[in-house]
């Protein structure tokens, strides 16, 4: 769709008379792909504390009305960087150490200059992007946080649930979303499970959730790595 819109609005307008009347016989999109490439100014390398390049894990554009070209990037060493993608001279607006561990995902508060970081230290944090200061912390997870997402029109929920210690209280929880079914375990394993009631699931049955995404205000989609 992206390249088709370029053809229709750009190439199509400039070469309107060159195209035959039949749309199916127009220049194929595959012939245009070779003409698109990144220029050096648009390559934002992710660096760690020592100056070495490290993998970026989280990357997303702001949805705030006054920040349409602002991009947030988070990397393996817990550093968050804010870029102005329209600036060629000074694209880096701000950077800070958000976690003492890898930040696997980031999400902007809808329409606000704030974002949430999800990290390997089992915590998520809410940040004021303009100041780089933390606004609160989400705790309670027992494993690394791999994904974070906002439900549509739910940005105010974060603020109403912040307690006096600077932590956000959870309002809901889905247990064992991608755990293996107990019915498929061998009989010996079932007996061992029954004697461990009240304890957290072991690693062999607890599946990680790699991505969460709200389809709408009441529907959540989750993706698991091991169970496919």
C-alpha atoms as a PDB file:
ATOM      1  CA  UNK A   1       0.000   0.000   0.000  1.00  0.00           C
ATOM      2  CA  UNK A   2       2.839   2.396   0.838  1.00  0.00           C
ATOM      3  CA  UNK A   3       4.553   2.026  -2.520  1.00  0.00           C
ATOM      4  CA  UNK A   4       1.255   2.022  -4.352  1.00  0.00           C
ATOM      5  CA  UNK A   5       0.402   5.382  -2.775  1.00  0.00           C
ATOM      6  CA  UNK A   6       3.782   6.727  -3.891  1.00  0.00           C
ATOM      7  CA  UNK A   7       3.121   5.593  -7.419  1.00  0.00           C
ATOM      8  CA  UNK A   8      -0.383   7.062  -7.434  1.00  0.00           C
ATOM      9  CA  UNK A   9       0.562  10.409  -5.883  1.00  0.00           C
ATOM     10  CA  UNK A  10       4.107  10.895  -7.171  1.00  0.00           C
ATOM     11  CA  UNK A  11       5.181   8.969 -10.229  1.00  0.00           C
ATOM     12  CA  UNK A  12       1.622   8.649 -11.394  1.00  0.00           C
ATOM     13  CA  UNK A  13       1.070  12.397 -11.416  1.00  0.00           C
ATOM     14  CA  UNK A  14       4.341  13.235 -13.123  1.00  0.00           C
ATOM     15  CA  UNK A  15       3.973  10.600 -15.793  1.00  0.00           C
ATOM     16  CA  UNK A  16       0.220  10.553 -16.160  1.00  0.00           C
ATOM     17  CA  UNK A  17       0.336  10.683 -19.932  1.00  0.00           C
ATOM     18  CA  UNK A  18       2.939   7.936 -20.113  1.00  0.00           C
ATOM     19  CA  UNK A  19       0.750   5.358 -18.378  1.00  0.00           C
ATOM     20  CA  UNK A  20      -1.666   3.338 -20.476  1.00  0.00           C
ATOM     21  CA  UNK A  21      -5.323   3.385 -19.606  1.00  0.00           C
ATOM     22  CA  UNK A  22      -5.192  -0.134 -18.203  1.00  0.00           C
ATOM     23  CA  UNK A  23      -3.936   0.083 -14.532  1.00  0.00           C
ATOM     24  CA  UNK A  24      -2.724  -3.527 -14.619  1.00  0.00           C
ATOM     25  CA  UNK A  25      -0.131  -2.644 -17.261  1.00  0.00           C
ATOM     26  CA  UNK A  26       1.479   0.171 -15.232  1.00  0.00           C
ATOM     27  CA  UNK A  27       5.060  -0.001 -13.973  1.00  0.00           C
ATOM     28  CA  UNK A  28       5.294  -2.842 -11.414  1.00  0.00           C
ATOM     29  CA  UNK A  29       6.158  -1.835  -7.852  1.00  0.00           C
ATOM     30  CA  UNK A  30       9.098  -4.245  -7.776  1.00  0.00           C
ATOM     31  CA  UNK A  31      10.894  -2.071 -10.319  1.00  0.00           C
ATOM     32  CA  UNK A  32      10.745   0.875  -7.890  1.00  0.00           C
ATOM     33  CA  UNK A  33      12.135  -0.893  -4.817  1.00  0.00           C
ATOM     34  CA  UNK A  34      15.739  -0.614  -5.957  1.00  0.00           C
ATOM     35  CA  UNK A  35      15.484   3.164  -5.944  1.00  0.00           C
ATOM     36  CA  UNK A  36      14.797   3.378  -2.188  1.00  0.00           C
ATOM     37  CA  UNK A  37      17.685   3.355   0.254  1.00  0.00           C
ATOM     38  CA  UNK A  38      18.707   4.975   3.532  1.00  0.00           C
ATOM     39  CA  UNK A  39      21.090   7.900   3.383  1.00  0.00           C
ATOM     40  CA  UNK A  40      23.855   8.170   5.947  1.00  0.00           C
ATOM     41  CA  UNK A  41      22.099  10.922   7.916  1.00  0.00           C
ATOM     42  CA  UNK A  42      19.169   8.612   8.601  1.00  0.00           C
ATOM     43  CA  UNK A  43      21.257   5.849  10.193  1.00  0.00           C
ATOM     44  CA  UNK A  44      20.988   6.239  13.962  1.00  0.00           C
ATOM     45  CA  UNK A  45      23.446   3.759  15.496  1.00  0.00           C
ATOM     46  CA  UNK A  46      22.559   2.464  18.973  1.00  0.00           C
ATOM     47  CA  UNK A  47      25.496   2.861  21.381  1.00  0.00           C
ATOM     48  CA  UNK A  48      26.028   1.581  24.916  1.00  0.00           C
ATOM     49  CA  UNK A  49      27.826   3.129  27.876  1.00  0.00           C
ATOM     50  CA  UNK A  50      31.249   2.100  26.585  1.00  0.00           C
ATOM     51  CA  UNK A  51      30.697   3.585  23.147  1.00  0.00           C
ATOM     52  CA  UNK A  52      30.281   0.241  21.413  1.00  0.00           C
ATOM     53  CA  UNK A  53      27.250  -0.387  19.220  1.00  0.00           C
ATOM     54  CA  UNK A  54      24.555  -2.554  20.850  1.00  0.00           C
ATOM     55  CA  UNK A  55      21.274  -3.995  19.546  1.00  0.00           C
ATOM     56  CA  UNK A  56      18.243  -1.678  19.726  1.00  0.00           C
ATOM     57  CA  UNK A  57      15.183  -3.562  20.992  1.00  0.00           C
ATOM     58  CA  UNK A  58      12.437  -0.921  21.232  1.00  0.00           C
ATOM     59  CA  UNK A  59      11.563   1.624  18.560  1.00  0.00           C
ATOM     60  CA  UNK A  60       8.404   3.707  18.193  1.00  0.00           C
ATOM     61  CA  UNK A  61       7.171   7.129  17.062  1.00  0.00           C
ATOM     62  CA  UNK A  62       5.405   9.586  19.344  1.00  0.00           C
ATOM     63  CA  UNK A  63       1.648  10.033  18.972  1.00  0.00           C
ATOM     64  CA  UNK A  64       1.629  13.492  20.589  1.00  0.00           C
ATOM     65  CA  UNK A  65       0.294  16.225  18.314  1.00  0.00           C
ATOM     66  CA  UNK A  66       3.313  18.485  18.777  1.00  0.00           C
ATOM     67  CA  UNK A  67       5.869  15.661  18.347  1.00  0.00           C
ATOM     68  CA  UNK A  68       4.930  13.954  15.051  1.00  0.00           C
ATOM     69  CA  UNK A  69       8.512  13.243  13.955  1.00  0.00           C
ATOM     70  CA  UNK A  70       9.946  12.266  17.340  1.00  0.00           C
ATOM     71  CA  UNK A  71      11.271   8.718  17.574  1.00  0.00           C
ATOM     72  CA  UNK A  72      12.152   6.858  20.782  1.00  0.00           C
ATOM     73  CA  UNK A  73      14.736   4.070  20.689  1.00  0.00           C
ATOM     74  CA  UNK A  74      15.806   1.782  23.551  1.00  0.00           C
ATOM     75  CA  UNK A  75      18.701  -0.655  23.543  1.00  0.00           C
ATOM     76  CA  UNK A  76      20.293  -3.669  25.170  1.00  0.00           C
ATOM     77  CA  UNK A  77      22.065  -1.620  27.855  1.00  0.00           C
ATOM     78  CA  UNK A  78      18.926   0.127  29.099  1.00  0.00           C
ATOM     79  CA  UNK A  79      19.547   3.458  27.358  1.00  0.00           C
ATOM     80  CA  UNK A  80      16.653   5.411  25.839  1.00  0.00           C
ATOM     81  CA  UNK A  81      17.307   7.969  23.109  1.00  0.00           C
ATOM     82  CA  UNK A  82      14.866  10.465  21.638  1.00  0.00           C
ATOM     83  CA  UNK A  83      15.408  11.553  18.026  1.00  0.00           C
ATOM     84  CA  UNK A  84      13.983  14.289  15.821  1.00  0.00           C
ATOM     85  CA  UNK A  85      13.875  12.407  12.519  1.00  0.00           C
ATOM     86  CA  UNK A  86      13.380  15.639  10.547  1.00  0.00           C
ATOM     87  CA  UNK A  87      16.652  17.136  11.779  1.00  0.00           C
ATOM     88  CA  UNK A  88      19.771  16.370   9.763  1.00  0.00           C
ATOM     89  CA  UNK A  89      22.241  18.353  11.880  1.00  0.00           C
ATOM     90  CA  UNK A  90      21.238  17.462  15.470  1.00  0.00           C
ATOM     91  CA  UNK A  91      18.755  14.563  15.439  1.00  0.00           C
ATOM     92  CA  UNK A  92      19.459  13.414  19.035  1.00  0.00           C
ATOM     93  CA  UNK A  93      17.201  15.376  21.408  1.00  0.00           C
ATOM     94  CA  UNK A  94      17.744  13.527  24.674  1.00  0.00           C
ATOM     95  CA  UNK A  95      19.156  10.320  26.154  1.00  0.00           C
ATOM     96  CA  UNK A  96      19.203   8.699  29.587  1.00  0.00           C
ATOM     97  CA  UNK A  97      19.752   5.386  31.363  1.00  0.00           C
ATOM     98  CA  UNK A  98      16.229   4.094  31.959  1.00  0.00           C
ATOM     99  CA  UNK A  99      17.131   0.683  33.443  1.00  0.00           C
ATOM    100  CA  UNK A 100      20.241  -1.153  34.618  1.00  0.00           C
ATOM    101  CA  UNK A 101      19.238  -3.891  32.185  1.00  0.00           C
ATOM    102  CA  UNK A 102      18.077  -4.324  28.607  1.00  0.00           C
ATOM    103  CA  UNK A 103      14.949  -2.402  27.600  1.00  0.00           C
ATOM    104  CA  UNK A 104      13.001  -4.796  25.392  1.00  0.00           C
ATOM    105  CA  UNK A 105      10.085  -2.569  24.460  1.00  0.00           C
ATOM    106  CA  UNK A 106       8.784   0.988  24.724  1.00  0.00           C
ATOM    107  CA  UNK A 107       5.360   2.556  24.212  1.00  0.00           C
ATOM    108  CA  UNK A 108       4.253   6.179  24.121  1.00  0.00           C
ATOM    109  CA  UNK A 109       1.339   7.270  26.273  1.00  0.00           C
ATOM    110  CA  UNK A 110      -1.285   8.063  23.594  1.00  0.00           C
ATOM    111  CA  UNK A 111      -1.125  11.737  22.703  1.00  0.00           C
ATOM    112  CA  UNK A 112       1.294  12.608  25.540  1.00  0.00           C
ATOM    113  CA  UNK A 113       5.058  13.382  25.768  1.00  0.00           C
ATOM    114  CA  UNK A 114       5.490  10.358  28.033  1.00  0.00           C
ATOM    115  CA  UNK A 115       6.561   6.782  27.413  1.00  0.00           C
ATOM    116  CA  UNK A 116       6.769   3.442  29.240  1.00  0.00           C
ATOM    117  CA  UNK A 117       9.858   1.232  29.150  1.00  0.00           C
ATOM    118  CA  UNK A 118       9.708  -2.549  29.719  1.00  0.00           C
ATOM    119  CA  UNK A 119      12.992  -4.116  30.796  1.00  0.00           C
ATOM    120  CA  UNK A 120      14.866  -7.230  31.816  1.00  0.00           C
ATOM    121  CA  UNK A 121      14.986  -6.086  35.451  1.00  0.00           C
ATOM    122  CA  UNK A 122      11.338  -7.224  35.765  1.00  0.00           C
ATOM    123  CA  UNK A 123      10.100  -3.643  35.935  1.00  0.00           C
ATOM    124  CA  UNK A 124       8.443  -1.086  33.688  1.00  0.00           C
ATOM    125  CA  UNK A 125       8.782   2.650  34.190  1.00  0.00           C
ATOM    126  CA  UNK A 126       6.821   5.684  33.049  1.00  0.00           C
ATOM    127  CA  UNK A 127       8.935   8.638  31.876  1.00  0.00           C
ATOM    128  CA  UNK A 128       8.453  12.305  31.122  1.00  0.00           C
ATOM    129  CA  UNK A 129      10.284  12.566  27.803  1.00  0.00           C
ATOM    130  CA  UNK A 130      10.900  16.303  27.893  1.00  0.00           C
ATOM    131  CA  UNK A 131      12.623  16.179  31.288  1.00  0.00           C
ATOM    132  CA  UNK A 132      13.882  12.579  31.205  1.00  0.00           C
ATOM    133  CA  UNK A 133      12.538  12.118  34.748  1.00  0.00           C
ATOM    134  CA  UNK A 134      10.670   8.998  35.952  1.00  0.00           C
ATOM    135  CA  UNK A 135       7.014   9.442  36.860  1.00  0.00           C
ATOM    136  CA  UNK A 136       6.422   6.008  38.364  1.00  0.00           C
ATOM    137  CA  UNK A 137       7.309   2.314  38.331  1.00  0.00           C
ATOM    138  CA  UNK A 138       5.358  -0.863  37.573  1.00  0.00           C
ATOM    139  CA  UNK A 139       6.437  -3.817  39.744  1.00  0.00           C
ATOM    140  CA  UNK A 140       5.231  -7.327  40.458  1.00  0.00           C
ATOM    141  CA  UNK A 141       6.493  -9.329  37.473  1.00  0.00           C
ATOM    142  CA  UNK A 142       8.636 -12.423  38.089  1.00  0.00           C
ATOM    143  CA  UNK A 143      10.376 -12.464  34.698  1.00  0.00           C
ATOM    144  CA  UNK A 144      11.751 -10.061  32.113  1.00  0.00           C
ATOM    145  CA  UNK A 145       9.216  -7.724  30.539  1.00  0.00           C
ATOM    146  CA  UNK A 146       9.251  -8.269  26.797  1.00  0.00           C
ATOM    147  CA  UNK A 147       6.361  -6.094  25.627  1.00  0.00           C
ATOM    148  CA  UNK A 148       4.203  -3.147  26.689  1.00  0.00           C
ATOM    149  CA  UNK A 149       1.104  -1.663  25.046  1.00  0.00           C
ATOM    150  CA  UNK A 150      -1.645   0.831  25.797  1.00  0.00           C
ATOM    151  CA  UNK A 151      -5.343   0.188  25.417  1.00  0.00           C
ATOM    152  CA  UNK A 152      -7.109   2.835  23.325  1.00  0.00           C
ATOM    153  CA  UNK A 153      -8.331   5.822  25.378  1.00  0.00           C
ATOM    154  CA  UNK A 154      -6.915   4.389  28.622  1.00  0.00           C
ATOM    155  CA  UNK A 155      -4.006   6.780  29.230  1.00  0.00           C
ATOM    156  CA  UNK A 156      -5.649   8.271  32.352  1.00  0.00           C
ATOM    157  CA  UNK A 157      -5.693   4.911  34.137  1.00  0.00           C
ATOM    158  CA  UNK A 158      -1.974   5.143  34.840  1.00  0.00           C
ATOM    159  CA  UNK A 159      -2.281   8.325  36.846  1.00  0.00           C
ATOM    160  CA  UNK A 160      -5.241   7.256  38.942  1.00  0.00           C
ATOM    161  CA  UNK A 161      -3.462   4.111  40.126  1.00  0.00           C
ATOM    162  CA  UNK A 162      -0.179   5.658  41.246  1.00  0.00           C
ATOM    163  CA  UNK A 163       0.297   5.139  44.990  1.00  0.00           C
ATOM    164  CA  UNK A 164       2.269   7.317  47.385  1.00  0.00           C
ATOM    165  CA  UNK A 165       5.411   5.181  46.985  1.00  0.00           C
ATOM    166  CA  UNK A 166       5.655   5.908  43.259  1.00  0.00           C
ATOM    167  CA  UNK A 167       4.417   2.481  42.137  1.00  0.00           C
ATOM    168  CA  UNK A 168       1.428   1.695  39.933  1.00  0.00           C
ATOM    169  CA  UNK A 169      -1.069  -0.874  41.175  1.00  0.00           C
ATOM    170  CA  UNK A 170      -2.225  -3.493  38.686  1.00  0.00           C
ATOM    171  CA  UNK A 171      -5.925  -3.556  37.848  1.00  0.00           C
ATOM    172  CA  UNK A 172      -6.047  -6.979  36.207  1.00  0.00           C
ATOM    173  CA  UNK A 173      -3.926 -10.044  35.547  1.00  0.00           C
ATOM    174  CA  UNK A 174      -4.093 -12.991  33.157  1.00  0.00           C
ATOM    175  CA  UNK A 175      -2.315 -15.972  34.700  1.00  0.00           C
ATOM    176  CA  UNK A 176      -0.610 -18.628  32.591  1.00  0.00           C
ATOM    177  CA  UNK A 177      -1.612 -17.118  29.265  1.00  0.00           C
ATOM    178  CA  UNK A 178       0.829 -19.345  27.366  1.00  0.00           C
ATOM    179  CA  UNK A 179       1.548 -22.157  29.828  1.00  0.00           C
ATOM    180  CA  UNK A 180       1.597 -25.774  28.703  1.00  0.00           C
ATOM    181  CA  UNK A 181      -1.581 -27.684  29.383  1.00  0.00           C
ATOM    182  CA  UNK A 182      -1.373 -29.783  32.534  1.00  0.00           C
ATOM    183  CA  UNK A 183      -3.433 -32.487  30.826  1.00  0.00           C
ATOM    184  CA  UNK A 184      -0.568 -33.227  28.424  1.00  0.00           C
ATOM    185  CA  UNK A 185       1.986 -33.897  31.169  1.00  0.00           C
ATOM    186  CA  UNK A 186       3.108 -37.445  32.112  1.00  0.00           C
ATOM    187  CA  UNK A 187       1.498 -38.983  35.187  1.00  0.00           C
ATOM    188  CA  UNK A 188       4.686 -38.693  37.279  1.00  0.00           C
ATOM    189  CA  UNK A 189       4.896 -35.003  36.466  1.00  0.00           C
ATOM    190  CA  UNK A 190       1.241 -34.515  37.400  1.00  0.00           C
ATOM    191  CA  UNK A 191       1.888 -35.995  40.857  1.00  0.00           C
ATOM    192  CA  UNK A 192       4.854 -33.683  41.337  1.00  0.00           C
ATOM    193  CA  UNK A 193       2.722 -30.697  40.292  1.00  0.00           C
ATOM    194  CA  UNK A 194      -0.017 -31.592  42.800  1.00  0.00           C
ATOM    195  CA  UNK A 195       2.488 -31.494  45.659  1.00  0.00           C
ATOM    196  CA  UNK A 196       3.648 -28.017  44.624  1.00  0.00           C
ATOM    197  CA  UNK A 197       0.345 -26.176  44.857  1.00  0.00           C
ATOM    198  CA  UNK A 198       0.743 -22.517  45.617  1.00  0.00           C
ATOM    199  CA  UNK A 199       4.189 -22.300  44.036  1.00  0.00           C
ATOM    200  CA  UNK A 200       5.024 -20.508  40.792  1.00  0.00           C
ATOM    201  CA  UNK A 201       5.032 -22.671  37.636  1.00  0.00           C
ATOM    202  CA  UNK A 202       8.427 -24.155  36.773  1.00  0.00           C
ATOM    203  CA  UNK A 203      10.371 -23.089  33.714  1.00  0.00           C
ATOM    204  CA  UNK A 204       9.398 -26.189  31.724  1.00  0.00           C
ATOM    205  CA  UNK A 205       5.687 -25.342  31.880  1.00  0.00           C
ATOM    206  CA  UNK A 206       5.707 -21.546  32.005  1.00  0.00           C
ATOM    207  CA  UNK A 207       5.906 -20.072  28.502  1.00  0.00           C
ATOM    208  CA  UNK A 208       7.133 -16.552  27.876  1.00  0.00           C
ATOM    209  CA  UNK A 209       4.851 -13.953  26.290  1.00  0.00           C
ATOM    210  CA  UNK A 210       6.907 -12.021  23.755  1.00  0.00           C
ATOM    211  CA  UNK A 211       4.355  -9.505  22.460  1.00  0.00           C
ATOM    212  CA  UNK A 212       1.076  -8.015  23.647  1.00  0.00           C
ATOM    213  CA  UNK A 213      -1.145  -5.779  21.544  1.00  0.00           C
ATOM    214  CA  UNK A 214      -4.568  -4.255  22.164  1.00  0.00           C
ATOM    215  CA  UNK A 215      -6.941  -4.733  19.253  1.00  0.00           C
ATOM    216  CA  UNK A 216      -9.482  -2.518  20.954  1.00  0.00           C
ATOM    217  CA  UNK A 217     -10.336  -1.385  24.462  1.00  0.00           C
ATOM    218  CA  UNK A 218     -11.541  -4.832  25.553  1.00  0.00           C
ATOM    219  CA  UNK A 219      -9.502  -7.259  23.419  1.00  0.00           C
ATOM    220  CA  UNK A 220      -5.850  -8.160  24.003  1.00  0.00           C
ATOM    221  CA  UNK A 221      -3.719 -10.245  21.628  1.00  0.00           C
ATOM    222  CA  UNK A 222      -0.649 -12.059  23.000  1.00  0.00           C
ATOM    223  CA  UNK A 223       2.132 -13.971  21.281  1.00  0.00           C
ATOM    224  CA  UNK A 224       4.285 -16.719  22.799  1.00  0.00           C
ATOM    225  CA  UNK A 225       7.745 -17.753  21.656  1.00  0.00           C
ATOM    226  CA  UNK A 226       8.002 -21.438  22.580  1.00  0.00           C
ATOM    227  CA  UNK A 227       4.417 -22.436  21.819  1.00  0.00           C
ATOM    228  CA  UNK A 228       4.468 -20.680  18.457  1.00  0.00           C
END
